[in-house]
């Protein structure tokens, strides 16, 4: 649900655990493409969330959008 960046199914911050699992499956052969996709969404979410929060920069977007998706 944009611009709140919440999951439509469970209401948790997106990407929630089910969304993360689905993304890992979808991009299982191209982790780089997944990180590029998530980086693009993170930038969009940052801009939208900043507008909602009175221009305050949302915290932990890197953790929320990227850190979990890095190759281990």
PDB file of N, CA and C in Angstrom:
ATOM      1  N   UNK A   1       0.851  -1.175   0.000  1.00  0.00           N
ATOM      2  CA  UNK A   1       0.000   0.000   0.000  1.00  0.00           C
ATOM      3  C   UNK A   1       0.895   1.236   0.000  1.00  0.00           C
ATOM      4  N   UNK A   2       0.946   1.859  -1.115  1.00  0.00           N
ATOM      5  CA  UNK A   2       1.708   3.089  -1.219  1.00  0.00           C
ATOM      6  C   UNK A   2       0.793   4.263  -0.944  1.00  0.00           C
ATOM      7  N   UNK A   3       1.202   5.288  -0.341  1.00  0.00           N
ATOM      8  CA  UNK A   3       2.567   5.685  -0.002  1.00  0.00           C
ATOM      9  C   UNK A   3       3.004   5.231   1.389  1.00  0.00           C
ATOM     10  N   UNK A   4       2.219   4.391   2.060  1.00  0.00           N
ATOM     11  CA  UNK A   4       2.594   3.947   3.411  1.00  0.00           C
ATOM     12  C   UNK A   4       3.629   2.826   3.400  1.00  0.00           C
ATOM     13  N   UNK A   5       3.766   2.157   2.287  1.00  0.00           N
ATOM     14  CA  UNK A   5       4.689   1.046   2.137  1.00  0.00           C
ATOM     15  C   UNK A   5       4.417  -0.046   3.152  1.00  0.00           C
ATOM     16  N   UNK A   6       3.167  -0.462   3.172  1.00  0.00           N
ATOM     17  CA  UNK A   6       2.715  -1.574   4.008  1.00  0.00           C
ATOM     18  C   UNK A   6       2.187  -2.674   3.096  1.00  0.00           C
ATOM     19  N   UNK A   7       2.250  -3.903   3.559  1.00  0.00           N
ATOM     20  CA  UNK A   7       1.753  -5.052   2.804  1.00  0.00           C
ATOM     21  C   UNK A   7       0.226  -5.036   2.793  1.00  0.00           C
ATOM     22  N   UNK A   8      -0.356  -5.254   1.637  1.00  0.00           N
ATOM     23  CA  UNK A   8      -1.819  -5.300   1.532  1.00  0.00           C
ATOM     24  C   UNK A   8      -2.398  -6.524   2.223  1.00  0.00           C
ATOM     25  N   UNK A   9      -1.634  -7.600   2.271  1.00  0.00           N
ATOM     26  CA  UNK A   9      -2.131  -8.850   2.856  1.00  0.00           C
ATOM     27  C   UNK A   9      -2.073  -8.855   4.382  1.00  0.00           C
ATOM     28  N   UNK A  10      -0.931  -8.424   4.952  1.00  0.00           N
ATOM     29  CA  UNK A  10      -0.762  -8.553   6.403  1.00  0.00           C
ATOM     30  C   UNK A  10      -0.650  -7.220   7.140  1.00  0.00           C
ATOM     31  N   UNK A  11      -0.420  -6.131   6.412  1.00  0.00           N
ATOM     32  CA  UNK A  11      -0.319  -4.819   7.044  1.00  0.00           C
ATOM     33  C   UNK A  11       1.051  -4.485   7.602  1.00  0.00           C
ATOM     34  N   UNK A  12       1.993  -5.414   7.516  1.00  0.00           N
ATOM     35  CA  UNK A  12       3.357  -5.164   8.016  1.00  0.00           C
ATOM     36  C   UNK A  12       4.102  -4.265   7.036  1.00  0.00           C
ATOM     37  N   UNK A  13       5.204  -3.689   7.487  1.00  0.00           N
ATOM     38  CA  UNK A  13       6.038  -2.887   6.599  1.00  0.00           C
ATOM     39  C   UNK A  13       6.507  -3.755   5.442  1.00  0.00           C
ATOM     40  N   UNK A  14       6.380  -3.183   4.230  1.00  0.00           N
ATOM     41  CA  UNK A  14       6.824  -3.919   3.047  1.00  0.00           C
ATOM     42  C   UNK A  14       8.291  -3.638   2.796  1.00  0.00           C
ATOM     43  N   UNK A  15       9.085  -4.612   2.468  1.00  0.00           N
ATOM     44  CA  UNK A  15       8.744  -5.996   2.203  1.00  0.00           C
ATOM     45  C   UNK A  15       8.687  -6.824   3.485  1.00  0.00           C
ATOM     46  N   UNK A  16       7.530  -7.408   3.718  1.00  0.00           N
ATOM     47  CA  UNK A  16       7.327  -8.269   4.882  1.00  0.00           C
ATOM     48  C   UNK A  16       7.965  -9.639   4.601  1.00  0.00           C
ATOM     49  N   UNK A  17       7.946 -10.520   5.567  1.00  0.00           N
ATOM     50  CA  UNK A  17       8.583 -11.831   5.401  1.00  0.00           C
ATOM     51  C   UNK A  17       8.045 -12.598   4.197  1.00  0.00           C
ATOM     52  N   UNK A  18       6.714 -12.686   3.996  1.00  0.00           N
ATOM     53  CA  UNK A  18       6.230 -13.396   2.805  1.00  0.00           C
ATOM     54  C   UNK A  18       6.685 -12.733   1.500  1.00  0.00           C
ATOM     55  N   UNK A  19       6.728 -11.405   1.463  1.00  0.00           N
ATOM     56  CA  UNK A  19       7.191 -10.701   0.266  1.00  0.00           C
ATOM     57  C   UNK A  19       8.676 -10.957   0.033  1.00  0.00           C
ATOM     58  N   UNK A  20       9.441 -10.978   1.086  1.00  0.00           N
ATOM     59  CA  UNK A  20      10.882 -11.253   0.955  1.00  0.00           C
ATOM     60  C   UNK A  20      11.106 -12.646   0.382  1.00  0.00           C
ATOM     61  N   UNK A  21      10.395 -13.609   0.903  1.00  0.00           N
ATOM     62  CA  UNK A  21      10.527 -14.986   0.413  1.00  0.00           C
ATOM     63  C   UNK A  21      10.134 -15.057  -1.062  1.00  0.00           C
ATOM     64  N   UNK A  22       9.030 -14.430  -1.428  1.00  0.00           N
ATOM     65  CA  UNK A  22       8.588 -14.437  -2.827  1.00  0.00           C
ATOM     66  C   UNK A  22       9.621 -13.774  -3.735  1.00  0.00           C
ATOM     67  N   UNK A  23      10.213 -12.679  -3.283  1.00  0.00           N
ATOM     68  CA  UNK A  23      11.239 -11.995  -4.073  1.00  0.00           C
ATOM     69  C   UNK A  23      12.498 -12.856  -4.226  1.00  0.00           C
ATOM     70  N   UNK A  24      12.900 -13.525  -3.154  1.00  0.00           N
ATOM     71  CA  UNK A  24      14.073 -14.397  -3.235  1.00  0.00           C
ATOM     72  C   UNK A  24      13.842 -15.542  -4.209  1.00  0.00           C
ATOM     73  N   UNK A  25      12.631 -16.074  -4.227  1.00  0.00           N
ATOM     74  CA  UNK A  25      12.305 -17.143  -5.174  1.00  0.00           C
ATOM     75  C   UNK A  25      12.300 -16.598  -6.601  1.00  0.00           C
ATOM     76  N   UNK A  26      11.646 -15.460  -6.789  1.00  0.00           N
ATOM     77  CA  UNK A  26      11.550 -14.874  -8.124  1.00  0.00           C
ATOM     78  C   UNK A  26      12.914 -14.516  -8.699  1.00  0.00           C
ATOM     79  N   UNK A  27      13.819 -14.019  -7.862  1.00  0.00           N
ATOM     80  CA  UNK A  27      15.138 -13.579  -8.308  1.00  0.00           C
ATOM     81  C   UNK A  27      16.241 -14.553  -7.901  1.00  0.00           C
ATOM     82  N   UNK A  28      15.900 -15.809  -7.710  1.00  0.00           N
ATOM     83  CA  UNK A  28      16.880 -16.772  -7.195  1.00  0.00           C
ATOM     84  C   UNK A  28      18.119 -16.910  -8.072  1.00  0.00           C
ATOM     85  N   UNK A  29      17.992 -16.629  -9.353  1.00  0.00           N
ATOM     86  CA  UNK A  29      19.133 -16.754 -10.259  1.00  0.00           C
ATOM     87  C   UNK A  29      19.795 -15.426 -10.588  1.00  0.00           C
ATOM     88  N   UNK A  30      19.330 -14.335  -9.977  1.00  0.00           N
ATOM     89  CA  UNK A  30      19.907 -13.023 -10.285  1.00  0.00           C
ATOM     90  C   UNK A  30      19.773 -12.082  -9.090  1.00  0.00           C
ATOM     91  N   UNK A  31      20.630 -12.295  -8.108  1.00  0.00           N
ATOM     92  CA  UNK A  31      20.598 -11.493  -6.886  1.00  0.00           C
ATOM     93  C   UNK A  31      20.904 -10.026  -7.176  1.00  0.00           C
ATOM     94  N   UNK A  32      21.755  -9.773  -8.158  1.00  0.00           N
ATOM     95  CA  UNK A  32      22.074  -8.396  -8.512  1.00  0.00           C
ATOM     96  C   UNK A  32      20.826  -7.656  -8.992  1.00  0.00           C
ATOM     97  N   UNK A  33      20.034  -8.287  -9.827  1.00  0.00           N
ATOM     98  CA  UNK A  33      18.795  -7.668 -10.314  1.00  0.00           C
ATOM     99  C   UNK A  33      17.834  -7.405  -9.155  1.00  0.00           C
ATOM    100  N   UNK A  34      17.784  -8.312  -8.196  1.00  0.00           N
ATOM    101  CA  UNK A  34      16.931  -8.111  -7.022  1.00  0.00           C
ATOM    102  C   UNK A  34      17.375  -6.869  -6.250  1.00  0.00           C
ATOM    103  N   UNK A  35      18.667  -6.724  -6.043  1.00  0.00           N
ATOM    104  CA  UNK A  35      19.172  -5.576  -5.299  1.00  0.00           C
ATOM    105  C   UNK A  35      18.936  -4.264  -6.046  1.00  0.00           C
ATOM    106  N   UNK A  36      19.057  -4.280  -7.358  1.00  0.00           N
ATOM    107  CA  UNK A  36      18.764  -3.083  -8.146  1.00  0.00           C
ATOM    108  C   UNK A  36      17.284  -2.733  -8.026  1.00  0.00           C
ATOM    109  N   UNK A  37      16.421  -3.724  -8.162  1.00  0.00           N
ATOM    110  CA  UNK A  37      14.977  -3.513  -8.030  1.00  0.00           C
ATOM    111  C   UNK A  37      14.631  -2.943  -6.653  1.00  0.00           C
ATOM    112  N   UNK A  38      15.188  -3.551  -5.608  1.00  0.00           N
ATOM    113  CA  UNK A  38      14.907  -3.091  -4.244  1.00  0.00           C
ATOM    114  C   UNK A  38      15.472  -1.695  -3.988  1.00  0.00           C
ATOM    115  N   UNK A  39      16.620  -1.377  -4.575  1.00  0.00           N
ATOM    116  CA  UNK A  39      17.199  -0.039  -4.418  1.00  0.00           C
ATOM    117  C   UNK A  39      16.299   1.022  -5.033  1.00  0.00           C
ATOM    118  N   UNK A  40      15.729   0.704  -6.177  1.00  0.00           N
ATOM    119  CA  UNK A  40      14.806   1.619  -6.841  1.00  0.00           C
ATOM    120  C   UNK A  40      13.570   1.845  -5.984  1.00  0.00           C
ATOM    121  N   UNK A  41      13.030   0.765  -5.436  1.00  0.00           N
ATOM    122  CA  UNK A  41      11.853   0.882  -4.574  1.00  0.00           C
ATOM    123  C   UNK A  41      12.173   1.613  -3.277  1.00  0.00           C
ATOM    124  N   UNK A  42      13.382   1.405  -2.751  1.00  0.00           N
ATOM    125  CA  UNK A  42      13.781   2.078  -1.522  1.00  0.00           C
ATOM    126  C   UNK A  42      13.826   3.588  -1.730  1.00  0.00           C
ATOM    127  N   UNK A  43      14.348   4.027  -2.882  1.00  0.00           N
ATOM    128  CA  UNK A  43      14.386   5.454  -3.181  1.00  0.00           C
ATOM    129  C   UNK A  43      12.973   6.020  -3.279  1.00  0.00           C
ATOM    130  N   UNK A  44      12.086   5.298  -3.935  1.00  0.00           N
ATOM    131  CA  UNK A  44      10.698   5.737  -4.054  1.00  0.00           C
ATOM    132  C   UNK A  44      10.019   5.791  -2.680  1.00  0.00           C
ATOM    133  N   UNK A  45      10.245   4.761  -1.887  1.00  0.00           N
ATOM    134  CA  UNK A  45       9.653   4.726  -0.544  1.00  0.00           C
ATOM    135  C   UNK A  45      10.189   5.865   0.312  1.00  0.00           C
ATOM    136  N   UNK A  46      11.477   6.133   0.225  1.00  0.00           N
ATOM    137  CA  UNK A  46      12.069   7.220   1.005  1.00  0.00           C
ATOM    138  C   UNK A  46      11.424   8.552   0.684  1.00  0.00           C
ATOM    139  N   UNK A  47      11.215   8.802  -0.596  1.00  0.00           N
ATOM    140  CA  UNK A  47      10.596  10.065  -1.001  1.00  0.00           C
ATOM    141  C   UNK A  47       9.157  10.144  -0.516  1.00  0.00           C
ATOM    142  N   UNK A  48       8.402   9.075  -0.683  1.00  0.00           N
ATOM    143  CA  UNK A  48       6.990   9.087  -0.283  1.00  0.00           C
ATOM    144  C   UNK A  48       6.833   9.157   1.232  1.00  0.00           C
ATOM    145  N   UNK A  49       7.629   8.399   1.949  1.00  0.00           N
ATOM    146  CA  UNK A  49       7.532   8.407   3.412  1.00  0.00           C
ATOM    147  C   UNK A  49       7.984   9.746   3.987  1.00  0.00           C
ATOM    148  N   UNK A  50       8.964  10.380   3.352  1.00  0.00           N
ATOM    149  CA  UNK A  50       9.411  11.698   3.809  1.00  0.00           C
ATOM    150  C   UNK A  50       8.299  12.726   3.683  1.00  0.00           C
ATOM    151  N   UNK A  51       7.555  12.668   2.593  1.00  0.00           N
ATOM    152  CA  UNK A  51       6.437  13.582   2.407  1.00  0.00           C
ATOM    153  C   UNK A  51       5.360  13.361   3.459  1.00  0.00           C
ATOM    154  N   UNK A  52       5.110  12.106   3.808  1.00  0.00           N
ATOM    155  CA  UNK A  52       4.098  11.801   4.822  1.00  0.00           C
ATOM    156  C   UNK A  52       4.526  12.234   6.215  1.00  0.00           C
ATOM    157  N   UNK A  53       5.818  12.179   6.468  1.00  0.00           N
ATOM    158  CA  UNK A  53       6.349  12.470   7.798  1.00  0.00           C
ATOM    159  C   UNK A  53       6.867  13.892   7.928  1.00  0.00           C
ATOM    160  N   UNK A  54       6.388  14.803   7.129  1.00  0.00           N
ATOM    161  CA  UNK A  54       6.820  16.199   7.240  1.00  0.00           C
ATOM    162  C   UNK A  54       8.269  16.406   6.889  1.00  0.00           C
ATOM    163  N   UNK A  55       8.729  15.756   5.843  1.00  0.00           N
ATOM    164  CA  UNK A  55      10.099  15.892   5.332  1.00  0.00           C
ATOM    165  C   UNK A  55      11.151  15.267   6.241  1.00  0.00           C
ATOM    166  N   UNK A  56      10.744  14.482   7.232  1.00  0.00           N
ATOM    167  CA  UNK A  56      11.719  13.748   8.042  1.00  0.00           C
ATOM    168  C   UNK A  56      12.142  12.504   7.263  1.00  0.00           C
ATOM    169  N   UNK A  57      13.428  12.244   7.207  1.00  0.00           N
ATOM    170  CA  UNK A  57      13.933  11.082   6.462  1.00  0.00           C
ATOM    171  C   UNK A  57      13.631   9.806   7.238  1.00  0.00           C
ATOM    172  N   UNK A  58      12.936   8.852   6.628  1.00  0.00           N
ATOM    173  CA  UNK A  58      12.644   7.591   7.314  1.00  0.00           C
ATOM    174  C   UNK A  58      13.937   6.849   7.665  1.00  0.00           C
ATOM    175  N   UNK A  59      13.957   6.253   8.822  1.00  0.00           N
ATOM    176  CA  UNK A  59      15.131   5.514   9.286  1.00  0.00           C
ATOM    177  C   UNK A  59      15.044   4.050   8.845  1.00  0.00           C
ATOM    178  N   UNK A  60      16.187   3.423   8.788  1.00  0.00           N
ATOM    179  CA  UNK A  60      16.299   1.989   8.565  1.00  0.00           C
ATOM    180  C   UNK A  60      15.784   1.495   7.221  1.00  0.00           C
ATOM    181  N   UNK A  61      15.730   2.341   6.212  1.00  0.00           N
ATOM    182  CA  UNK A  61      15.275   1.863   4.911  1.00  0.00           C
ATOM    183  C   UNK A  61      16.283   0.910   4.278  1.00  0.00           C
ATOM    184  N   UNK A  62      17.561   1.121   4.520  1.00  0.00           N
ATOM    185  CA  UNK A  62      18.559   0.201   3.975  1.00  0.00           C
ATOM    186  C   UNK A  62      18.366  -1.190   4.560  1.00  0.00           C
ATOM    187  N   UNK A  63      18.187  -1.271   5.851  1.00  0.00           N
ATOM    188  CA  UNK A  63      17.942  -2.565   6.496  1.00  0.00           C
ATOM    189  C   UNK A  63      16.649  -3.183   5.977  1.00  0.00           C
ATOM    190  N   UNK A  64      15.648  -2.387   5.897  1.00  0.00           N
ATOM    191  CA  UNK A  64      14.323  -2.856   5.488  1.00  0.00           C
ATOM    192  C   UNK A  64      14.297  -3.342   4.037  1.00  0.00           C
ATOM    193  N   UNK A  65      14.980  -2.634   3.142  1.00  0.00           N
ATOM    194  CA  UNK A  65      14.898  -2.953   1.726  1.00  0.00           C
ATOM    195  C   UNK A  65      16.071  -3.761   1.181  1.00  0.00           C
ATOM    196  N   UNK A  66      17.267  -3.602   1.726  1.00  0.00           N
ATOM    197  CA  UNK A  66      18.436  -4.183   1.072  1.00  0.00           C
ATOM    198  C   UNK A  66      19.213  -5.214   1.875  1.00  0.00           C
ATOM    199  N   UNK A  67      19.475  -4.936   3.115  1.00  0.00           N
ATOM    200  CA  UNK A  67      20.408  -5.767   3.886  1.00  0.00           C
ATOM    201  C   UNK A  67      20.010  -7.248   3.880  1.00  0.00           C
ATOM    202  N   UNK A  68      18.732  -7.524   4.032  1.00  0.00           N
ATOM    203  CA  UNK A  68      18.262  -8.914   4.077  1.00  0.00           C
ATOM    204  C   UNK A  68      18.480  -9.643   2.752  1.00  0.00           C
ATOM    205  N   UNK A  69      18.579  -8.911   1.644  1.00  0.00           N
ATOM    206  CA  UNK A  69      18.643  -9.526   0.324  1.00  0.00           C
ATOM    207  C   UNK A  69      20.074  -9.774  -0.178  1.00  0.00           C
ATOM    208  N   UNK A  70      21.049  -9.310   0.571  1.00  0.00           N
ATOM    209  CA  UNK A  70      22.443  -9.517   0.131  1.00  0.00           C
ATOM    210  C   UNK A  70      22.769 -11.001   0.148  1.00  0.00           C
ATOM    211  N   UNK A  71      23.634 -11.392  -0.766  1.00  0.00           N
ATOM    212  CA  UNK A  71      24.091 -12.779  -0.814  1.00  0.00           C
ATOM    213  C   UNK A  71      24.864 -13.099   0.456  1.00  0.00           C
ATOM    214  N   UNK A  72      24.668 -14.258   0.944  1.00  0.00           N
ATOM    215  CA  UNK A  72      25.355 -14.694   2.164  1.00  0.00           C
ATOM    216  C   UNK A  72      26.472 -15.652   1.843  1.00  0.00           C
TER     217      UNK A  72
END
